[in-house]
Amino acid sequence: MQRRRGSGLVAGLAGFALLVAACGSDDGGDGAAATTVTSAASSSTSAGSTASTSETTTATAAGDQPGSLEEWEARWREERAAIVARIEENGWGKSADGTTLTGPEGWTVDLTACPKNWSDTEGVTDSVIKIGQTMPLSGTYADVGNAGRAIGFLFDYYSDQGLFEDTTSGTVRRIEHIVKDDAYDPARAIPNVDELLDHEKTFLVWTQGTPSTLKTYDKLNERCVPQPMALTAHVAWGDPVNHPWTTGIPQPTYSTEAVVWGAFLEQHLHEFPADRKVKVASLVQSNDFGALYDASFEAYIAQSPELRDRVEYVSETIEASAPTVVDPMTTLAAEKPDMWITMLAGTQCTQIVTEAARNGLNETAKYLFMPQSCPGATYVGKDAVGGDGSVSDGWYLVSPGLKDLADPSFHDDPYVDWLRGALQAEGIDPDVSTYTSSGINYAFPVVQALAIAGQLEGGVTRTNFQLALRSMDMTSPMLLPGIRLHMNGLADAYIVEGGSIQRWDAATQTYVNESGIIDLDGKAELCAWDQATSTCA
């Protein structure tokens, strides 16, 4: 396996902010992607040394949140109304001559650059809004298909509720959700996107995975087709200038997650002998997704005065389609690392947990991390790892703050309780995968943006939908209190930048909070991603 290296640069900002130039590269080159975070990342991770390990996520989830679905709906109506009022008060939207779309904080889109035959309402009829999606329903990433089923559920639910109404005309529409399998293969995703564009003529196109999204987002932006909530947390989706039609999911970027890993290590560095280097090892997926994780973490080490001379970082790469992780894991276990970080996704996540128990890695490494791309109990619960589930005990996760429907500690949450019953009534098992929870989280802002668009002049159009997303400021029922859905034109292109550090407790089969909410909202800089150099320009 070839080792990739990156370089980084960190500068102080007002005494408490870090400008992390985190490198991102594919297998052929190095690069830098800028991400800004505040000292919240460092201070929140330090809470892990003092937090009670018996405190579960329920304590955080309780918070100041509505106590019923009806109260949630009332809050969302107020939040939608506030967004509509802000848009109207500022005169944002498509210009009278149809040449420009304007939005918050100087965000503009030149609509004259759209194709001559472009339609602002393609995929919208008097009765239907056609939404196209390509995602893995088979292969090593097949579990993500559970997110697709949850997305379809939420679309159907709100279609039944009549939420997608153009208030000026009174037209009420349903969503037609068209999903195509790409098996996490860009070679399959590209023709899927083409078919959704040219044959199905969908209103928007939804993609999954960094490789597939990078291969299609130029085309979708050139054709002025919304690509919302791309199911990947790459920094490249934070580019409202060059890619105004693409937005990312409600999770912190991979670069931000890598910063939290680094800050966590800084806070726990004193626990290791001072007379030797601390060794950190990772298994990295061999594509743009894994490479960004890898190089961002390496860059953080390079800029950190505490870590740069104390840490030895080693990694191996693995293809997403590899059937087993045994060979690279054997190599890395032989390094006897003090800290382990998983930088991939799919079924390999569970394989890593079980292999770490078999080859002794979980005995030599004091801290072992799952990535946010391996969410919840799906990959570490006893149903996944077998036996009494003890092999995954103590594994850490930088959680995006997602309420896991399968986690018993959330079952008293009013929205989770309603949602579990509603899913079961439709034949969807809420316990089968944490990606079911993720799918609701992904679909929620799309549902709300469509509802907001219907209240704007012109109703549900591509421009109104995109304006609604770029103006989003709402509360998601699937995220812990303290984490909001928020975008703000050119000032903030990432809908969520926050989460918490959690530790898996095998005895209770739940993640336990090891930090408070790490709130980095609005701190991530825009990223004009250059695919040729794998850098943020």
Protein backbone atom coordinates (compact mmCIF):
# COMPACT_ATOMS: atom_id res chain seq x y z
CA MET A 1 0.00 0.00 0.00
CA GLN A 2 1.37 3.37 -0.95
CA ARG A 3 1.70 6.02 1.75
CA ARG A 4 0.32 9.48 0.92
CA ARG A 5 1.74 12.61 2.47
CA GLY A 6 0.32 16.10 2.78
CA SER A 7 1.41 19.47 4.01
CA GLY A 8 -0.41 21.99 6.17
CA LEU A 9 -0.38 25.57 7.40
CA VAL A 10 -2.11 26.94 10.48
CA ALA A 11 -2.32 30.58 11.45
CA GLY A 12 -3.69 32.23 14.61
CA LEU A 13 -6.88 34.25 14.22
CA ALA A 14 -7.89 36.73 16.94
CA GLY A 15 -6.10 34.60 19.50
CA PHE A 16 -8.63 31.77 19.47
CA ALA A 17 -9.29 30.64 15.89
CA LEU A 18 -7.24 28.24 13.84
CA LEU A 19 -6.97 28.47 10.10
CA VAL A 20 -6.22 24.91 9.13
CA ALA A 21 -4.96 24.40 5.63
CA ALA A 22 -5.74 20.71 5.53
CA CYS A 23 -4.32 18.84 2.62
CA GLY A 24 -6.61 16.85 0.40
CA SER A 25 -5.41 14.62 -2.37
CA ASP A 26 -6.39 11.74 -4.51
CA ASP A 27 -3.99 8.87 -4.96
CA GLY A 28 -1.93 10.83 -7.46
CA GLY A 29 -1.09 14.09 -5.75
CA ASP A 30 -1.05 16.40 -2.75
CA GLY A 31 -3.08 19.50 -2.03
CA ALA A 32 -4.53 21.85 0.56
CA ALA A 33 -8.12 22.54 1.56
CA ALA A 34 -8.77 25.40 3.95
CA THR A 35 -11.06 24.94 6.94
CA THR A 36 -11.51 27.43 9.78
CA VAL A 37 -12.42 26.31 13.27
CA THR A 38 -12.51 28.02 16.63
CA SER A 39 -11.01 26.91 19.89
CA ALA A 40 -14.33 25.20 20.54
CA ALA A 41 -12.87 22.11 18.91
CA SER A 42 -10.04 22.00 21.41
CA SER A 43 -11.97 23.03 24.51
CA SER A 44 -14.83 20.64 23.81
CA THR A 45 -12.56 17.66 23.34
CA SER A 46 -10.97 18.31 26.71
CA ALA A 47 -14.32 17.58 28.34
CA GLY A 48 -13.69 13.93 27.63
CA SER A 49 -11.20 13.71 30.47
CA THR A 50 -13.78 14.76 33.04
CA ALA A 51 -17.19 13.82 31.61
CA SER A 52 -19.16 11.14 33.38
CA THR A 53 -19.10 8.03 31.27
CA SER A 54 -22.54 7.07 32.51
CA GLU A 55 -24.13 10.12 30.88
CA THR A 56 -25.79 9.03 27.66
CA THR A 57 -26.90 11.05 24.69
CA THR A 58 -30.39 11.30 26.16
CA ALA A 59 -29.23 13.96 28.60
CA THR A 60 -28.18 16.15 25.71
CA ALA A 61 -31.15 15.22 23.57
CA ALA A 62 -33.66 16.38 26.18
CA GLY A 63 -32.73 20.07 25.96
CA ASP A 64 -35.14 22.80 24.89
CA GLN A 65 -36.93 20.97 22.11
CA PRO A 66 -40.65 20.58 21.33
CA GLY A 67 -42.52 17.89 23.20
CA SER A 68 -44.66 16.58 20.35
CA LEU A 69 -44.84 16.37 16.57
CA GLU A 70 -47.49 19.11 16.61
CA GLU A 71 -45.16 21.44 18.51
CA TRP A 72 -42.33 20.62 16.09
CA GLU A 73 -44.56 21.45 13.12
CA ALA A 74 -45.53 24.76 14.73
CA ARG A 75 -41.88 25.65 15.19
CA TRP A 76 -41.05 24.78 11.59
CA ARG A 77 -43.93 26.94 10.30
CA GLU A 78 -42.49 29.86 12.25
CA GLU A 79 -38.97 29.19 10.99
CA ARG A 80 -40.13 28.88 7.36
CA ALA A 81 -42.09 32.12 7.70
CA ALA A 82 -39.01 33.91 9.04
CA ILE A 83 -36.91 32.70 6.09
CA VAL A 84 -39.57 33.80 3.60
CA ALA A 85 -39.83 37.20 5.29
CA ARG A 86 -36.06 37.69 5.17
CA ILE A 87 -35.97 36.80 1.48
CA GLU A 88 -38.83 39.12 0.62
CA GLU A 89 -37.57 42.00 2.76
CA ASN A 90 -34.20 41.89 0.99
CA GLY A 91 -35.67 41.48 -2.48
CA TRP A 92 -33.74 38.28 -3.14
CA GLY A 93 -34.67 35.85 -5.89
CA LYS A 94 -34.69 35.73 -9.67
CA SER A 95 -34.47 39.14 -11.32
CA ALA A 96 -37.39 40.41 -13.38
CA ASP A 97 -35.45 39.83 -16.59
CA GLY A 98 -34.55 36.29 -15.51
CA THR A 99 -30.81 36.84 -15.79
CA THR A 100 -29.69 36.74 -12.14
CA LEU A 101 -30.48 34.91 -8.92
CA THR A 102 -29.54 36.82 -5.76
CA GLY A 103 -29.42 35.69 -2.14
CA PRO A 104 -27.81 36.30 1.25
CA GLU A 105 -24.41 37.83 1.85
CA GLY A 106 -23.66 38.67 -1.78
CA TRP A 107 -24.57 35.25 -3.22
CA THR A 108 -25.47 35.58 -6.89
CA VAL A 109 -25.92 33.17 -9.79
CA ASP A 110 -25.59 34.22 -13.42
CA LEU A 111 -28.57 32.52 -15.05
CA THR A 112 -27.47 33.60 -18.52
CA ALA A 113 -24.76 30.95 -18.22
CA CYS A 114 -27.43 28.22 -18.02
CA PRO A 115 -28.15 26.22 -21.21
CA LYS A 116 -30.44 27.92 -23.71
CA ASN A 117 -33.09 25.26 -23.25
CA TRP A 118 -32.85 25.39 -19.45
CA SER A 119 -36.12 25.44 -17.56
CA ASP A 120 -36.53 26.75 -14.04
CA THR A 121 -39.44 24.37 -13.54
CA GLU A 122 -38.25 21.21 -15.30
CA GLY A 123 -39.47 18.18 -13.39
CA VAL A 124 -42.42 20.12 -11.94
CA THR A 125 -45.96 19.56 -13.16
CA ASP A 126 -49.31 20.57 -11.71
CA SER A 127 -49.25 17.43 -9.58
CA VAL A 128 -45.65 16.18 -9.24
CA ILE A 129 -42.10 17.24 -8.32
CA LYS A 130 -39.68 14.69 -9.76
CA ILE A 131 -36.58 14.09 -7.62
CA GLY A 132 -33.82 11.83 -8.95
CA GLN A 133 -31.24 10.07 -6.81
CA THR A 134 -28.27 7.80 -7.51
CA MET A 135 -26.83 5.89 -4.57
CA PRO A 136 -25.51 2.44 -3.59
CA LEU A 137 -28.20 -0.15 -3.12
CA SER A 138 -25.70 -2.99 -3.55
CA GLY A 139 -22.02 -3.71 -2.85
CA THR A 140 -19.96 -2.79 0.21
CA TYR A 141 -21.92 0.47 0.65
CA ALA A 142 -25.36 -1.13 0.31
CA ASP A 143 -26.29 -0.06 3.84
CA VAL A 144 -26.59 3.52 2.54
CA GLY A 145 -29.67 2.31 0.68
CA ASN A 146 -31.50 2.48 4.01
CA ALA A 147 -31.04 6.25 3.86
CA GLY A 148 -32.76 6.22 0.47
CA ARG A 149 -35.74 4.36 1.88
CA ALA A 150 -36.01 6.85 4.74
CA ILE A 151 -35.80 9.77 2.32
CA GLY A 152 -38.62 8.27 0.29
CA PHE A 153 -40.69 7.84 3.46
CA LEU A 154 -40.35 11.51 4.43
CA PHE A 155 -41.20 12.64 0.89
CA ASP A 156 -44.33 10.48 0.91
CA TYR A 157 -45.35 11.61 4.39
CA TYR A 158 -45.22 15.31 3.56
CA SER A 159 -46.79 14.73 0.16
CA ASP A 160 -49.72 13.18 2.03
CA GLN A 161 -49.78 16.20 4.36
CA GLY A 162 -50.06 18.62 1.42
CA LEU A 163 -46.90 20.50 2.42
CA PHE A 164 -45.71 21.10 -1.15
CA GLU A 165 -48.15 23.85 -2.06
CA ASP A 166 -47.61 26.94 -4.15
CA THR A 167 -49.43 29.40 -1.91
CA THR A 168 -50.15 31.93 -4.68
CA SER A 169 -51.76 29.43 -7.05
CA GLY A 170 -52.99 26.87 -4.55
CA THR A 171 -51.33 24.07 -6.52
CA VAL A 172 -50.47 21.09 -4.31
CA ARG A 173 -47.93 18.53 -5.52
CA ARG A 174 -46.48 15.18 -4.52
CA ILE A 175 -42.84 14.16 -4.75
CA GLU A 176 -41.98 11.38 -7.18
CA HIS A 177 -38.73 9.90 -5.88
CA ILE A 178 -36.68 8.02 -8.49
CA VAL A 179 -33.72 6.06 -7.09
CA LYS A 180 -31.03 4.30 -9.16
CA ASP A 181 -28.35 1.93 -7.87
CA ASP A 182 -24.71 2.84 -8.54
CA ALA A 183 -23.05 0.45 -6.02
CA TYR A 184 -20.76 3.32 -4.96
CA ASP A 185 -19.14 3.26 -8.40
CA PRO A 186 -18.70 6.58 -10.25
CA ALA A 187 -18.70 4.66 -13.54
CA ARG A 188 -22.30 3.69 -12.77
CA ALA A 189 -23.29 6.97 -11.12
CA ILE A 190 -22.40 9.08 -14.17
CA PRO A 191 -24.83 7.37 -16.58
CA ASN A 192 -27.44 7.33 -13.81
CA VAL A 193 -27.16 11.11 -13.54
CA ASP A 194 -27.37 11.45 -17.32
CA GLU A 195 -30.52 9.34 -17.39
CA LEU A 196 -32.10 11.35 -14.58
CA LEU A 197 -31.28 14.58 -16.43
CA ASP A 198 -32.08 13.65 -20.01
CA HIS A 199 -34.69 10.91 -19.78
CA GLU A 200 -36.47 11.42 -16.47
CA LYS A 201 -35.92 15.22 -16.60
CA THR A 202 -35.95 15.51 -12.82
CA PHE A 203 -36.22 18.77 -10.90
CA LEU A 204 -33.01 18.00 -9.03
CA VAL A 205 -30.40 15.23 -8.89
CA TRP A 206 -29.16 13.79 -5.60
CA THR A 207 -25.82 11.98 -5.47
CA GLN A 208 -23.96 9.94 -2.87
CA GLY A 209 -20.25 9.63 -2.18
CA THR A 210 -17.32 11.92 -2.82
CA PRO A 211 -16.04 10.19 -6.01
CA SER A 212 -19.46 10.17 -7.72
CA THR A 213 -20.31 13.72 -6.65
CA LEU A 214 -16.96 15.08 -7.84
CA LYS A 215 -17.51 13.36 -11.19
CA THR A 216 -20.94 14.91 -11.69
CA TYR A 217 -21.08 18.28 -9.94
CA ASP A 218 -19.47 20.24 -12.79
CA LYS A 219 -22.10 18.93 -15.21
CA LEU A 220 -25.02 19.60 -12.85
CA ASN A 221 -23.82 23.13 -12.13
CA GLU A 222 -23.25 23.87 -15.81
CA ARG A 223 -26.83 22.75 -16.45
CA CYS A 224 -28.15 24.74 -13.46
CA VAL A 225 -29.71 21.71 -11.79
CA PRO A 226 -29.85 21.57 -7.98
CA GLN A 227 -27.63 18.92 -6.39
CA PRO A 228 -28.76 19.24 -2.75
CA MET A 229 -27.43 17.55 0.35
CA ALA A 230 -24.85 15.49 -1.58
CA LEU A 231 -24.40 12.43 0.66
CA THR A 232 -20.76 13.17 1.45
CA ALA A 233 -19.04 15.64 3.79
CA HIS A 234 -16.21 16.74 1.49
CA VAL A 235 -15.14 20.39 1.74
CA ALA A 236 -15.67 20.82 -2.02
CA TRP A 237 -19.40 21.32 -1.54
CA GLY A 238 -18.70 24.61 0.23
CA ASP A 239 -18.33 26.51 -3.06
CA PRO A 240 -21.36 28.78 -3.58
CA VAL A 241 -19.48 30.87 -6.13
CA ASN A 242 -18.33 28.28 -8.68
CA HIS A 243 -20.81 25.53 -7.78
CA PRO A 244 -23.89 27.41 -6.56
CA TRP A 245 -26.24 24.48 -7.25
CA THR A 246 -24.40 21.96 -5.01
CA THR A 247 -24.75 21.75 -1.23
CA GLY A 248 -23.53 19.19 1.31
CA ILE A 249 -25.19 17.11 4.01
CA PRO A 250 -26.00 18.14 7.62
CA GLN A 251 -22.67 16.91 8.99
CA PRO A 252 -19.30 18.56 9.65
CA THR A 253 -16.80 18.23 6.83
CA TYR A 254 -14.18 15.51 6.86
CA SER A 255 -11.54 18.19 7.36
CA THR A 256 -13.33 19.53 10.42
CA GLU A 257 -13.61 16.00 11.79
CA ALA A 258 -9.86 15.56 11.31
CA VAL A 259 -9.28 18.77 13.27
CA VAL A 260 -11.34 17.36 16.14
CA TRP A 261 -9.26 14.16 16.08
CA GLY A 262 -6.13 16.27 16.31
CA ALA A 263 -7.50 18.44 19.10
CA PHE A 264 -8.53 15.31 21.01
CA LEU A 265 -5.00 13.94 20.74
CA GLU A 266 -3.55 17.24 21.96
CA GLN A 267 -5.79 17.11 25.03
CA HIS A 268 -4.74 13.53 25.83
CA LEU A 269 -1.07 13.76 24.87
CA HIS A 270 0.03 13.96 28.51
CA GLU A 271 -1.23 10.41 29.03
CA PHE A 272 1.59 8.94 26.94
CA PRO A 273 5.26 8.59 27.99
CA ALA A 274 7.20 11.76 27.20
CA ASP A 275 10.36 9.85 26.28
CA ARG A 276 8.93 8.37 23.07
CA LYS A 277 6.74 9.35 20.15
CA VAL A 278 3.03 8.72 20.16
CA LYS A 279 2.10 6.54 17.20
CA VAL A 280 -1.18 7.08 15.34
CA ALA A 281 -2.33 4.63 12.66
CA SER A 282 -5.19 4.70 10.18
CA LEU A 283 -6.69 2.63 7.38
CA VAL A 284 -7.68 4.98 4.58
CA GLN A 285 -10.10 4.44 1.73
CA SER A 286 -8.23 4.77 -1.54
CA ASN A 287 -10.26 7.58 -3.11
CA ASP A 288 -10.88 11.32 -2.72
CA PHE A 289 -13.00 10.74 0.38
CA GLY A 290 -10.33 8.85 2.31
CA ALA A 291 -7.54 11.02 1.00
CA LEU A 292 -9.13 14.16 2.44
CA TYR A 293 -9.42 12.53 5.85
CA ASP A 294 -5.81 11.32 5.71
CA ALA A 295 -4.18 14.51 4.53
CA SER A 296 -6.30 16.78 6.76
CA PHE A 297 -5.25 14.88 9.87
CA GLU A 298 -1.62 14.80 8.79
CA ALA A 299 -1.78 18.55 8.17
CA TYR A 300 -3.14 19.15 11.64
CA ILE A 301 -0.24 17.24 13.16
CA ALA A 302 2.24 19.25 11.08
CA GLN A 303 0.91 22.62 12.30
CA SER A 304 0.44 21.68 15.95
CA PRO A 305 3.31 22.73 18.26
CA GLU A 306 2.21 20.00 20.68
CA LEU A 307 2.02 17.22 18.11
CA ARG A 308 4.49 17.88 15.33
CA ASP A 309 7.52 16.51 17.20
CA ARG A 310 5.67 13.99 19.34
CA VAL A 311 3.52 12.08 16.86
CA GLU A 312 4.46 9.44 14.31
CA TYR A 313 1.63 8.90 11.84
CA VAL A 314 1.35 5.76 9.71
CA SER A 315 -1.42 4.64 7.37
CA GLU A 316 -2.38 2.10 4.75
CA THR A 317 -4.89 2.45 1.94
CA ILE A 318 -7.64 0.08 0.84
CA GLU A 319 -10.07 -0.02 -2.07
CA ALA A 320 -13.74 0.49 -1.24
CA SER A 321 -14.55 -2.81 -2.95
CA ALA A 322 -11.97 -4.86 -1.00
CA PRO A 323 -13.73 -7.86 0.56
CA THR A 324 -11.53 -7.95 3.67
CA VAL A 325 -9.32 -5.63 5.74
CA VAL A 326 -7.07 -8.36 7.16
CA ASP A 327 -3.84 -7.63 5.25
CA PRO A 328 -3.55 -3.87 5.87
CA MET A 329 -4.84 -4.28 9.43
CA THR A 330 -2.15 -6.87 10.13
CA THR A 331 0.50 -4.45 8.88
CA LEU A 332 -0.82 -1.59 11.00
CA ALA A 333 -1.35 -3.71 14.12
CA ALA A 334 2.32 -4.65 13.97
CA GLU A 335 3.11 -0.93 14.45
CA LYS A 336 1.46 -1.13 17.90
CA PRO A 337 -0.16 2.29 17.59
CA ASP A 338 -1.32 4.31 20.59
CA MET A 339 -4.29 5.74 18.67
CA TRP A 340 -6.28 4.31 15.78
CA ILE A 341 -8.45 6.26 13.33
CA THR A 342 -10.74 4.65 10.75
CA MET A 343 -10.89 6.67 7.52
CA LEU A 344 -13.36 4.78 5.34
CA ALA A 345 -17.00 3.63 5.30
CA GLY A 346 -19.29 0.72 4.51
CA THR A 347 -18.97 -2.86 5.70
CA GLN A 348 -15.22 -2.43 6.22
CA CYS A 349 -16.01 -0.43 9.38
CA THR A 350 -17.34 -3.47 11.20
CA GLN A 351 -14.54 -5.60 9.77
CA ILE A 352 -12.04 -3.20 11.34
CA VAL A 353 -13.63 -3.57 14.78
CA THR A 354 -13.61 -7.36 14.68
CA GLU A 355 -10.13 -7.55 13.16
CA ALA A 356 -8.75 -5.13 15.80
CA ALA A 357 -10.00 -7.53 18.46
CA ARG A 358 -8.48 -10.52 16.65
CA ASN A 359 -5.02 -9.07 15.99
CA GLY A 360 -4.65 -7.29 19.34
CA LEU A 361 -4.90 -3.72 18.06
CA ASN A 362 -7.66 -2.88 20.52
CA GLU A 363 -5.31 -3.87 23.35
CA THR A 364 -2.32 -1.79 22.24
CA ALA A 365 -4.22 1.34 21.12
CA LYS A 366 -5.58 3.43 23.98
CA TYR A 367 -8.00 5.30 21.72
CA LEU A 368 -9.80 3.88 18.69
CA PHE A 369 -12.01 6.06 16.48
CA MET A 370 -14.80 5.30 14.04
CA PRO A 371 -15.47 8.02 11.45
CA GLN A 372 -18.82 9.81 11.11
CA SER A 373 -19.24 7.85 7.86
CA CYS A 374 -19.74 4.72 10.03
CA PRO A 375 -22.60 6.05 12.15
CA GLY A 376 -24.33 4.64 15.21
CA ALA A 377 -24.91 1.07 16.28
CA THR A 378 -24.99 -0.24 12.72
CA TYR A 379 -21.24 -0.85 12.68
CA VAL A 380 -20.33 -1.40 16.34
CA GLY A 381 -23.44 -2.93 17.94
CA LYS A 382 -23.52 -6.57 18.98
CA ASP A 383 -25.75 -7.47 16.04
CA ALA A 384 -22.90 -6.32 13.78
CA VAL A 385 -19.81 -7.55 15.64
CA GLY A 386 -21.32 -10.70 17.16
CA GLY A 387 -21.28 -12.31 20.59
CA ASP A 388 -21.95 -10.02 23.52
CA GLY A 389 -20.64 -7.03 21.52
CA SER A 390 -17.72 -6.44 23.87
CA VAL A 391 -15.15 -6.24 21.05
CA SER A 392 -16.37 -2.75 20.17
CA ASP A 393 -16.49 -1.46 23.73
CA GLY A 394 -14.76 1.90 24.12
CA TRP A 395 -14.56 2.85 20.44
CA TYR A 396 -14.89 6.61 19.90
CA LEU A 397 -16.85 8.57 17.31
CA VAL A 398 -16.98 12.22 16.30
CA SER A 399 -20.75 12.22 15.99
CA PRO A 400 -22.50 14.82 13.82
CA GLY A 401 -25.08 15.00 16.62
CA LEU A 402 -27.49 12.59 14.96
CA LYS A 403 -30.29 11.04 17.00
CA ASP A 404 -30.03 7.34 16.22
CA LEU A 405 -33.47 5.75 15.98
CA ALA A 406 -31.94 2.38 16.89
CA ASP A 407 -30.39 3.75 20.09
CA PRO A 408 -32.69 3.00 23.07
CA SER A 409 -31.52 6.16 24.82
CA PHE A 410 -33.47 8.21 22.27
CA HIS A 411 -36.70 6.24 22.36
CA ASP A 412 -38.29 8.69 24.81
CA ASP A 413 -37.57 11.61 22.48
CA PRO A 414 -41.04 12.71 21.25
CA TYR A 415 -40.05 13.05 17.61
CA VAL A 416 -38.06 9.81 17.59
CA ASP A 417 -40.98 8.01 19.22
CA TRP A 418 -43.39 9.30 16.55
CA LEU A 419 -40.95 8.59 13.73
CA ARG A 420 -40.26 5.02 14.79
CA GLY A 421 -43.97 4.25 14.79
CA ALA A 422 -44.56 5.98 11.46
CA LEU A 423 -41.71 4.08 9.80
CA GLN A 424 -42.89 0.75 11.17
CA ALA A 425 -46.38 1.46 9.86
CA GLU A 426 -44.84 1.72 6.38
CA GLY A 427 -42.90 -1.54 6.77
CA ILE A 428 -39.53 0.14 7.45
CA ASP A 429 -37.55 -1.23 10.39
CA PRO A 430 -36.01 1.76 12.24
CA ASP A 431 -33.52 -0.55 13.99
CA VAL A 432 -31.99 -2.15 10.92
CA SER A 433 -29.52 0.67 10.20
CA THR A 434 -28.43 4.04 11.53
CA TYR A 435 -28.58 5.18 7.91
CA THR A 436 -32.36 5.18 8.32
CA SER A 437 -31.87 7.99 10.84
CA SER A 438 -29.38 9.67 8.52
CA GLY A 439 -31.85 9.53 5.63
CA ILE A 440 -34.45 11.47 7.62
CA ASN A 441 -31.75 13.98 8.58
CA TYR A 442 -30.71 14.37 4.93
CA ALA A 443 -34.26 14.68 3.60
CA PHE A 444 -35.51 17.16 6.19
CA PRO A 445 -33.82 20.30 4.77
CA VAL A 446 -34.85 19.31 1.23
CA VAL A 447 -38.48 18.98 2.38
CA GLN A 448 -38.31 22.34 4.13
CA ALA A 449 -36.63 24.09 1.16
CA LEU A 450 -39.40 22.84 -1.14
CA ALA A 451 -42.03 24.12 1.31
CA ILE A 452 -40.29 27.52 1.51
CA ALA A 453 -39.98 27.72 -2.28
CA GLY A 454 -43.74 27.22 -2.54
CA GLN A 455 -44.27 30.38 -0.47
CA LEU A 456 -42.03 32.56 -2.67
CA GLU A 457 -43.07 34.43 -5.78
CA GLY A 458 -43.07 31.95 -8.66
CA GLY A 459 -43.61 28.96 -6.36
CA VAL A 460 -41.55 25.77 -6.65
CA THR A 461 -38.75 26.59 -9.06
CA ARG A 462 -35.12 25.55 -9.13
CA THR A 463 -34.03 29.10 -8.29
CA ASN A 464 -36.45 29.43 -5.36
CA PHE A 465 -35.45 26.02 -4.04
CA GLN A 466 -31.75 26.89 -4.16
CA LEU A 467 -32.40 30.29 -2.60
CA ALA A 468 -34.29 28.59 0.24
CA LEU A 469 -31.34 26.27 0.91
CA ARG A 470 -28.79 29.09 0.85
CA SER A 471 -31.00 30.99 3.34
CA MET A 472 -31.71 28.01 5.61
CA ASP A 473 -31.94 28.63 9.35
CA MET A 474 -34.01 25.88 10.99
CA THR A 475 -34.07 23.28 13.74
CA SER A 476 -33.73 19.64 12.73
CA PRO A 477 -35.57 17.12 14.91
CA MET A 478 -32.81 14.61 14.11
CA LEU A 479 -29.95 16.65 15.59
CA LEU A 480 -28.99 17.27 19.20
CA PRO A 481 -29.86 20.68 20.70
CA GLY A 482 -27.19 23.22 19.91
CA ILE A 483 -26.74 22.07 16.30
CA ARG A 484 -28.78 24.03 13.74
CA LEU A 485 -29.35 23.78 10.02
CA HIS A 486 -27.82 27.03 8.84
CA MET A 487 -26.50 28.38 5.56
CA ASN A 488 -26.02 32.04 4.73
CA GLY A 489 -25.04 32.74 1.14
CA LEU A 490 -21.36 33.54 0.72
CA ALA A 491 -20.88 33.84 4.50
CA ASP A 492 -21.66 30.20 5.34
CA ALA A 493 -21.87 27.42 2.75
CA TYR A 494 -21.99 24.44 5.12
CA ILE A 495 -25.40 23.59 6.59
CA VAL A 496 -23.95 21.93 9.72
CA GLU A 497 -20.55 22.32 11.34
CA GLY A 498 -20.83 20.75 14.74
CA GLY A 499 -21.19 17.54 16.72
CA SER A 500 -19.85 15.80 19.79
CA ILE A 501 -17.28 13.20 20.77
CA GLN A 502 -18.91 9.97 21.91
CA ARG A 503 -17.73 6.59 23.19
CA TRP A 504 -19.46 3.25 22.60
CA ASP A 505 -20.62 1.46 25.73
CA ALA A 506 -21.08 -2.19 24.83
CA ALA A 507 -22.93 -2.98 28.06
CA THR A 508 -25.75 -0.57 27.28
CA GLN A 509 -25.32 -0.74 23.49
CA THR A 510 -25.28 3.02 23.16
CA TYR A 511 -22.87 5.89 22.48
CA VAL A 512 -22.00 7.94 25.58
CA ASN A 513 -21.18 11.64 25.39
CA GLU A 514 -17.53 12.42 26.09
CA SER A 515 -17.80 16.12 25.25
CA GLY A 516 -20.29 18.91 25.01
CA ILE A 517 -21.59 20.10 21.65
CA ILE A 518 -18.71 21.27 19.47
CA ASP A 519 -20.31 24.26 17.73
CA LEU A 520 -18.33 25.45 14.71
CA ASP A 521 -21.24 27.00 12.83
CA GLY A 522 -20.06 29.54 10.29
CA LYS A 523 -16.38 28.86 10.94
CA ALA A 524 -15.60 26.79 7.84
CA GLU A 525 -14.22 28.83 4.97
CA LEU A 526 -15.47 28.53 1.42
CA CYS A 527 -13.62 26.01 -0.72
CA ALA A 528 -13.21 26.43 -4.46
CA TRP A 529 -12.03 22.87 -5.00
CA ASP A 530 -9.59 22.33 -7.87
CA GLN A 531 -9.94 18.72 -9.02
CA ALA A 532 -6.73 18.88 -11.04
CA THR A 533 -4.62 19.64 -7.96
CA SER A 534 -7.02 18.41 -5.24
CA THR A 535 -6.82 21.74 -3.45
CA CYS A 536 -9.03 24.56 -2.30
CA ALA A 537 -8.05 27.51 -4.45
